[in-house]
Amino acid sequence: MFGPQDGSVSQRLVYDAGSEAHYLKYDGLYFFGFAIEPNARAMIEDERKLRIPASYVAVTPDVAMSDLLKTTRSSEIFSVTGLPDFEVRRAKKKGPEGQVLYEVELAGLDVFDPQSLETESVGGENVPCWMLDSDYNGMSFCATQVFFPKTSAWDNLQRSLKATFDDSVWSHLSGTVSEPFALGEKRRVAVKVIDERGNELLRVKDVTA
């Protein structure tokens, strides 16, 4: 099943395709798309809902470039990437009024190599970019904190700004642990990771305690 050219694979698209594939007694179902909605991703991973094994395959925008498409191994247009692995825990310090604060630590993600047929675990420190939404509403992602672990641009940035900054600033911006934050009304945390191919991978967790 191929998703829309100018949008994300939606939950409705997944449900309709899953129903048809189940009716036709297919053995498996693959969804190809440039992006996917969190609810659609959750439905794909829950075989009980679709009643058929399914997987999401991320497609890079290069596929729309026709004869400009690169053919090197590093620019493969299809990749199967797992969801970000992260932990939400209580922070050691409390808020100004004594309220409980939380923090997120990004462990990394898994990437399937279609050539070697092996799964590679990528640590959080080797992710180009990850973002945190501390009060995800299920519809739009609003980045409240942004980090760039795998980058060598910090020295260049300091030279461009003609200034020097405390090392703790750069280590935090390139780190895998967020600043402490207070939970919003939704009590739902979302982490979005951008991998080396430019795929945006989103995972959502409800915080119950």
C-alpha atoms as a PDB file:
ATOM      1  CA  MET A   1       0.000   0.000   0.000  1.00  0.00           C
ATOM      2  CA  PHE A   2       1.501   3.333  -1.062  1.00  0.00           C
ATOM      3  CA  GLY A   3       0.603   6.432   0.943  1.00  0.00           C
ATOM      4  CA  PRO A   4      -0.223   9.886  -0.456  1.00  0.00           C
ATOM      5  CA  GLN A   5       2.415  11.836  -2.353  1.00  0.00           C
ATOM      6  CA  ASP A   6       1.866  15.020  -0.343  1.00  0.00           C
ATOM      7  CA  GLY A   7       0.863  13.724   3.055  1.00  0.00           C
ATOM      8  CA  SER A   8       1.199  11.083   5.736  1.00  0.00           C
ATOM      9  CA  VAL A   9      -0.134   7.547   5.902  1.00  0.00           C
ATOM     10  CA  SER A  10      -3.329   8.019   7.922  1.00  0.00           C
ATOM     11  CA  GLN A  11      -5.107   5.779  10.384  1.00  0.00           C
ATOM     12  CA  ARG A  12      -8.079   5.528   8.007  1.00  0.00           C
ATOM     13  CA  LEU A  13      -5.832   4.422   5.142  1.00  0.00           C
ATOM     14  CA  VAL A  14      -4.275   1.740   7.329  1.00  0.00           C
ATOM     15  CA  TYR A  15      -7.685   0.488   8.487  1.00  0.00           C
ATOM     16  CA  ASP A  16      -9.137   0.312   4.963  1.00  0.00           C
ATOM     17  CA  ALA A  17      -6.072  -1.419   3.513  1.00  0.00           C
ATOM     18  CA  GLY A  18      -5.943  -3.849   6.419  1.00  0.00           C
ATOM     19  CA  SER A  19      -9.608  -4.756   6.003  1.00  0.00           C
ATOM     20  CA  GLU A  20      -9.186  -5.404   2.280  1.00  0.00           C
ATOM     21  CA  ALA A  21      -5.991  -7.418   2.765  1.00  0.00           C
ATOM     22  CA  HIS A  22      -7.646  -9.529   5.456  1.00  0.00           C
ATOM     23  CA  TYR A  23     -10.680 -10.136   3.240  1.00  0.00           C
ATOM     24  CA  LEU A  24      -8.429 -11.216   0.341  1.00  0.00           C
ATOM     25  CA  LYS A  25      -6.465 -13.485   2.712  1.00  0.00           C
ATOM     26  CA  TYR A  26      -3.072 -11.870   2.094  1.00  0.00           C
ATOM     27  CA  ASP A  27      -0.136 -13.143   4.143  1.00  0.00           C
ATOM     28  CA  GLY A  28       1.239  -9.691   4.939  1.00  0.00           C
ATOM     29  CA  LEU A  29       0.809  -5.998   4.267  1.00  0.00           C
ATOM     30  CA  TYR A  30       3.441  -3.281   3.716  1.00  0.00           C
ATOM     31  CA  PHE A  31       2.757   0.443   3.856  1.00  0.00           C
ATOM     32  CA  PHE A  32       5.108   2.738   1.930  1.00  0.00           C
ATOM     33  CA  GLY A  33       5.047   6.447   2.688  1.00  0.00           C
ATOM     34  CA  PHE A  34       7.026   9.644   3.204  1.00  0.00           C
ATOM     35  CA  ALA A  35       5.543  10.025   6.697  1.00  0.00           C
ATOM     36  CA  ILE A  36       3.031   8.319   8.954  1.00  0.00           C
ATOM     37  CA  GLU A  37       0.635   9.503  11.649  1.00  0.00           C
ATOM     38  CA  PRO A  38       1.291   8.180  15.180  1.00  0.00           C
ATOM     39  CA  ASN A  39      -2.128   6.504  15.423  1.00  0.00           C
ATOM     40  CA  ALA A  40      -1.571   4.818  12.076  1.00  0.00           C
ATOM     41  CA  ARG A  41       1.827   3.546  13.224  1.00  0.00           C
ATOM     42  CA  ALA A  42       0.280   2.169  16.405  1.00  0.00           C
ATOM     43  CA  MET A  43      -2.409   0.348  14.415  1.00  0.00           C
ATOM     44  CA  ILE A  44       0.194  -1.228  12.120  1.00  0.00           C
ATOM     45  CA  GLU A  45       2.117  -2.551  15.095  1.00  0.00           C
ATOM     46  CA  ASP A  46      -0.995  -4.063  16.702  1.00  0.00           C
ATOM     47  CA  GLU A  47      -1.744  -7.191  14.669  1.00  0.00           C
ATOM     48  CA  ARG A  48      -4.988  -7.720  16.616  1.00  0.00           C
ATOM     49  CA  LYS A  49      -6.473  -4.569  15.102  1.00  0.00           C
ATOM     50  CA  LEU A  50      -5.543  -5.275  11.480  1.00  0.00           C
ATOM     51  CA  ARG A  51      -5.821  -9.079  11.762  1.00  0.00           C
ATOM     52  CA  ILE A  52      -2.848  -9.348   9.402  1.00  0.00           C
ATOM     53  CA  PRO A  53       0.934  -8.873   9.889  1.00  0.00           C
ATOM     54  CA  ALA A  54       1.903  -5.399   8.677  1.00  0.00           C
ATOM     55  CA  SER A  55       4.995  -3.175   8.474  1.00  0.00           C
ATOM     56  CA  TYR A  56       5.687   0.457   7.645  1.00  0.00           C
ATOM     57  CA  VAL A  57       8.468   1.249   5.168  1.00  0.00           C
ATOM     58  CA  ALA A  58       9.755   4.825   5.109  1.00  0.00           C
ATOM     59  CA  VAL A  59      10.464   6.322   1.676  1.00  0.00           C
ATOM     60  CA  THR A  60      12.858   9.240   1.317  1.00  0.00           C
ATOM     61  CA  PRO A  61      11.803  12.273  -0.787  1.00  0.00           C
ATOM     62  CA  ASP A  62      14.574  11.409  -3.278  1.00  0.00           C
ATOM     63  CA  VAL A  63      12.197   8.961  -4.922  1.00  0.00           C
ATOM     64  CA  ALA A  64      10.356  11.898  -6.516  1.00  0.00           C
ATOM     65  CA  MET A  65      13.532  13.257  -8.143  1.00  0.00           C
ATOM     66  CA  SER A  66      13.358  11.074 -11.271  1.00  0.00           C
ATOM     67  CA  ASP A  67      16.719  11.044 -13.079  1.00  0.00           C
ATOM     68  CA  LEU A  68      18.310  13.034 -10.237  1.00  0.00           C
ATOM     69  CA  LEU A  69      17.896  10.057  -7.918  1.00  0.00           C
ATOM     70  CA  LYS A  70      21.140   8.999  -6.287  1.00  0.00           C
ATOM     71  CA  THR A  71      22.211   5.383  -6.512  1.00  0.00           C
ATOM     72  CA  THR A  72      24.790   5.159  -3.739  1.00  0.00           C
ATOM     73  CA  ARG A  73      24.266   2.745  -0.861  1.00  0.00           C
ATOM     74  CA  SER A  74      23.957   5.586   1.648  1.00  0.00           C
ATOM     75  CA  SER A  75      21.047   7.087  -0.253  1.00  0.00           C
ATOM     76  CA  GLU A  76      18.786   4.044  -0.571  1.00  0.00           C
ATOM     77  CA  ILE A  77      15.216   5.228  -1.027  1.00  0.00           C
ATOM     78  CA  PHE A  78      13.635   2.561   1.172  1.00  0.00           C
ATOM     79  CA  SER A  79      14.411   1.863   4.794  1.00  0.00           C
ATOM     80  CA  VAL A  80      12.630   0.049   7.581  1.00  0.00           C
ATOM     81  CA  THR A  81      13.274   1.909  10.818  1.00  0.00           C
ATOM     82  CA  GLY A  82      12.015   1.154  14.287  1.00  0.00           C
ATOM     83  CA  LEU A  83      10.450   3.642  16.640  1.00  0.00           C
ATOM     84  CA  PRO A  84      12.608   5.745  18.981  1.00  0.00           C
ATOM     85  CA  ASP A  85      13.395   4.075  22.283  1.00  0.00           C
ATOM     86  CA  PHE A  86      13.180   6.512  25.187  1.00  0.00           C
ATOM     87  CA  GLU A  87      12.452   6.606  28.908  1.00  0.00           C
ATOM     88  CA  VAL A  88      10.301   9.089  30.812  1.00  0.00           C
ATOM     89  CA  ARG A  89      11.258   9.385  34.465  1.00  0.00           C
ATOM     90  CA  ARG A  90      10.965  11.742  37.390  1.00  0.00           C
ATOM     91  CA  ALA A  91      13.697  14.348  37.552  1.00  0.00           C
ATOM     92  CA  LYS A  92      15.766  14.728  40.691  1.00  0.00           C
ATOM     93  CA  LYS A  93      14.912  18.399  41.119  1.00  0.00           C
ATOM     94  CA  LYS A  94      11.459  19.894  41.578  1.00  0.00           C
ATOM     95  CA  GLY A  95       9.801  22.930  40.074  1.00  0.00           C
ATOM     96  CA  PRO A  96       9.723  26.458  41.591  1.00  0.00           C
ATOM     97  CA  GLU A  97       6.586  25.624  43.550  1.00  0.00           C
ATOM     98  CA  GLY A  98       7.676  22.129  44.504  1.00  0.00           C
ATOM     99  CA  GLN A  99       5.838  20.384  41.645  1.00  0.00           C
ATOM    100  CA  VAL A 100       7.125  17.108  40.257  1.00  0.00           C
ATOM    101  CA  LEU A 101       9.254  17.455  37.139  1.00  0.00           C
ATOM    102  CA  TYR A 102      10.078  14.815  34.541  1.00  0.00           C
ATOM    103  CA  GLU A 103      12.886  14.228  32.075  1.00  0.00           C
ATOM    104  CA  VAL A 104      13.317  12.133  28.935  1.00  0.00           C
ATOM    105  CA  GLU A 105      16.361  10.089  27.974  1.00  0.00           C
ATOM    106  CA  LEU A 106      16.723   8.909  24.384  1.00  0.00           C
ATOM    107  CA  ALA A 107      18.252   5.425  24.136  1.00  0.00           C
ATOM    108  CA  GLY A 108      18.244   5.260  20.312  1.00  0.00           C
ATOM    109  CA  LEU A 109      16.448   3.349  17.564  1.00  0.00           C
ATOM    110  CA  ASP A 110      16.783   0.253  15.380  1.00  0.00           C
ATOM    111  CA  VAL A 111      17.360   0.379  11.635  1.00  0.00           C
ATOM    112  CA  PHE A 112      16.908  -2.620   9.322  1.00  0.00           C
ATOM    113  CA  ASP A 113      19.507  -2.918   6.555  1.00  0.00           C
ATOM    114  CA  PRO A 114      17.755  -4.348   3.450  1.00  0.00           C
ATOM    115  CA  GLN A 115      21.100  -5.457   1.960  1.00  0.00           C
ATOM    116  CA  SER A 116      22.511  -7.414   4.886  1.00  0.00           C
ATOM    117  CA  LEU A 117      19.059  -8.305   6.286  1.00  0.00           C
ATOM    118  CA  GLU A 118      20.355  -7.342   9.710  1.00  0.00           C
ATOM    119  CA  THR A 119      19.060  -4.900  12.295  1.00  0.00           C
ATOM    120  CA  GLU A 120      21.442  -2.225  13.508  1.00  0.00           C
ATOM    121  CA  SER A 121      20.935  -0.502  16.841  1.00  0.00           C
ATOM    122  CA  VAL A 122      21.726   3.212  16.680  1.00  0.00           C
ATOM    123  CA  GLY A 123      22.487   4.817  20.032  1.00  0.00           C
ATOM    124  CA  GLY A 124      20.917   8.101  21.003  1.00  0.00           C
ATOM    125  CA  GLU A 125      24.293   9.830  20.797  1.00  0.00           C
ATOM    126  CA  ASN A 126      24.459   8.960  17.074  1.00  0.00           C
ATOM    127  CA  VAL A 127      21.064  10.419  16.146  1.00  0.00           C
ATOM    128  CA  PRO A 128      21.302  13.616  14.036  1.00  0.00           C
ATOM    129  CA  CYS A 129      18.339  15.280  15.713  1.00  0.00           C
ATOM    130  CA  TRP A 130      15.637  14.541  18.267  1.00  0.00           C
ATOM    131  CA  MET A 131      12.820  16.686  19.595  1.00  0.00           C
ATOM    132  CA  LEU A 132      10.534  16.573  22.606  1.00  0.00           C
ATOM    133  CA  ASP A 133       6.883  17.560  22.923  1.00  0.00           C
ATOM    134  CA  SER A 134       6.113  17.567  26.637  1.00  0.00           C
ATOM    135  CA  ASP A 135       2.323  17.865  26.164  1.00  0.00           C
ATOM    136  CA  TYR A 136       1.430  16.081  22.923  1.00  0.00           C
ATOM    137  CA  ASN A 137      -2.224  16.527  21.937  1.00  0.00           C
ATOM    138  CA  GLY A 138      -2.335  13.681  19.421  1.00  0.00           C
ATOM    139  CA  MET A 139      -2.779  16.011  16.434  1.00  0.00           C
ATOM    140  CA  SER A 140       0.176  18.349  16.027  1.00  0.00           C
ATOM    141  CA  PHE A 141       3.737  17.985  17.279  1.00  0.00           C
ATOM    142  CA  CYS A 142       5.070  21.065  19.074  1.00  0.00           C
ATOM    143  CA  ALA A 143       8.793  20.845  19.869  1.00  0.00           C
ATOM    144  CA  THR A 144       9.496  22.211  23.341  1.00  0.00           C
ATOM    145  CA  GLN A 145      13.115  20.997  23.377  1.00  0.00           C
ATOM    146  CA  VAL A 146      15.440  20.173  20.457  1.00  0.00           C
ATOM    147  CA  PHE A 147      18.784  18.351  20.494  1.00  0.00           C
ATOM    148  CA  PHE A 148      21.464  17.574  17.887  1.00  0.00           C
ATOM    149  CA  PRO A 149      23.637  14.722  19.226  1.00  0.00           C
ATOM    150  CA  LYS A 150      25.479  13.689  16.062  1.00  0.00           C
ATOM    151  CA  THR A 151      26.938  16.867  14.664  1.00  0.00           C
ATOM    152  CA  SER A 152      30.342  18.472  14.352  1.00  0.00           C
ATOM    153  CA  ALA A 153      28.937  21.936  13.735  1.00  0.00           C
ATOM    154  CA  TRP A 154      29.283  23.345  17.241  1.00  0.00           C
ATOM    155  CA  ASP A 155      32.847  24.620  16.751  1.00  0.00           C
ATOM    156  CA  ASN A 156      31.880  26.238  13.451  1.00  0.00           C
ATOM    157  CA  LEU A 157      28.889  27.862  15.096  1.00  0.00           C
ATOM    158  CA  GLN A 158      31.029  29.360  17.849  1.00  0.00           C
ATOM    159  CA  ARG A 159      33.432  30.772  15.274  1.00  0.00           C
ATOM    160  CA  SER A 160      30.544  32.234  13.246  1.00  0.00           C
ATOM    161  CA  LEU A 161      29.128  33.894  16.346  1.00  0.00           C
ATOM    162  CA  LYS A 162      32.616  35.067  17.326  1.00  0.00           C
ATOM    163  CA  ALA A 163      31.934  34.027  20.872  1.00  0.00           C
ATOM    164  CA  THR A 164      32.669  31.272  23.324  1.00  0.00           C
ATOM    165  CA  PHE A 165      30.169  29.494  25.513  1.00  0.00           C
ATOM    166  CA  ASP A 166      30.318  27.279  28.523  1.00  0.00           C
ATOM    167  CA  ASP A 167      31.006  23.666  27.565  1.00  0.00           C
ATOM    168  CA  SER A 168      27.899  22.574  29.461  1.00  0.00           C
ATOM    169  CA  VAL A 169      25.728  24.440  26.926  1.00  0.00           C
ATOM    170  CA  TRP A 170      27.071  22.474  23.984  1.00  0.00           C
ATOM    171  CA  SER A 171      27.119  19.167  25.832  1.00  0.00           C
ATOM    172  CA  HIS A 172      23.449  19.659  26.677  1.00  0.00           C
ATOM    173  CA  LEU A 173      22.427  20.585  23.120  1.00  0.00           C
ATOM    174  CA  SER A 174      24.219  17.489  21.823  1.00  0.00           C
ATOM    175  CA  GLY A 175      22.988  15.257  24.620  1.00  0.00           C
ATOM    176  CA  THR A 176      20.389  12.539  24.998  1.00  0.00           C
ATOM    177  CA  VAL A 177      18.743  13.735  28.247  1.00  0.00           C
ATOM    178  CA  SER A 178      16.199  16.553  28.232  1.00  0.00           C
ATOM    179  CA  GLU A 179      15.853  19.450  30.613  1.00  0.00           C
ATOM    180  CA  PRO A 180      13.376  18.753  33.454  1.00  0.00           C
ATOM    181  CA  PHE A 181       9.830  19.749  32.545  1.00  0.00           C
ATOM    182  CA  ALA A 182       6.363  19.771  34.060  1.00  0.00           C
ATOM    183  CA  LEU A 183       3.723  17.563  32.458  1.00  0.00           C
ATOM    184  CA  GLY A 184       0.872  19.281  30.657  1.00  0.00           C
ATOM    185  CA  GLU A 185      -2.833  18.534  30.882  1.00  0.00           C
ATOM    186  CA  LYS A 186      -2.595  15.671  28.382  1.00  0.00           C
ATOM    187  CA  ARG A 187       0.077  13.890  30.480  1.00  0.00           C
ATOM    188  CA  ARG A 188       1.426  12.614  27.184  1.00  0.00           C
ATOM    189  CA  VAL A 189       5.012  12.884  25.975  1.00  0.00           C
ATOM    190  CA  ALA A 190       6.129  12.540  22.344  1.00  0.00           C
ATOM    191  CA  VAL A 191       9.641  12.185  20.968  1.00  0.00           C
ATOM    192  CA  LYS A 192      10.442  12.730  17.293  1.00  0.00           C
ATOM    193  CA  VAL A 193      13.733  11.513  15.858  1.00  0.00           C
ATOM    194  CA  ILE A 194      15.166  12.482  12.476  1.00  0.00           C
ATOM    195  CA  ASP A 195      17.500   9.784  11.203  1.00  0.00           C
ATOM    196  CA  GLU A 196      20.356  10.073   8.727  1.00  0.00           C
ATOM    197  CA  ARG A 197      18.041   9.551   5.753  1.00  0.00           C
ATOM    198  CA  GLY A 198      15.746  12.362   6.876  1.00  0.00           C
ATOM    199  CA  ASN A 199      12.962  10.062   8.085  1.00  0.00           C
ATOM    200  CA  GLU A 200      10.858  11.518  10.891  1.00  0.00           C
ATOM    201  CA  LEU A 201      10.045   8.874  13.495  1.00  0.00           C
ATOM    202  CA  LEU A 202       7.542   9.663  16.227  1.00  0.00           C
ATOM    203  CA  ARG A 203       6.708   7.747  19.376  1.00  0.00           C
ATOM    204  CA  VAL A 204       4.209   8.710  22.066  1.00  0.00           C
ATOM    205  CA  LYS A 205       4.033   7.639  25.711  1.00  0.00           C
ATOM    206  CA  ASP A 206       1.367   8.328  28.322  1.00  0.00           C
ATOM    207  CA  VAL A 207       2.732   9.186  31.770  1.00  0.00           C
ATOM    208  CA  THR A 208       0.540   7.673  34.468  1.00  0.00           C
ATOM    209  CA  ALA A 209       2.651   8.338  37.551  1.00  0.00           C
END
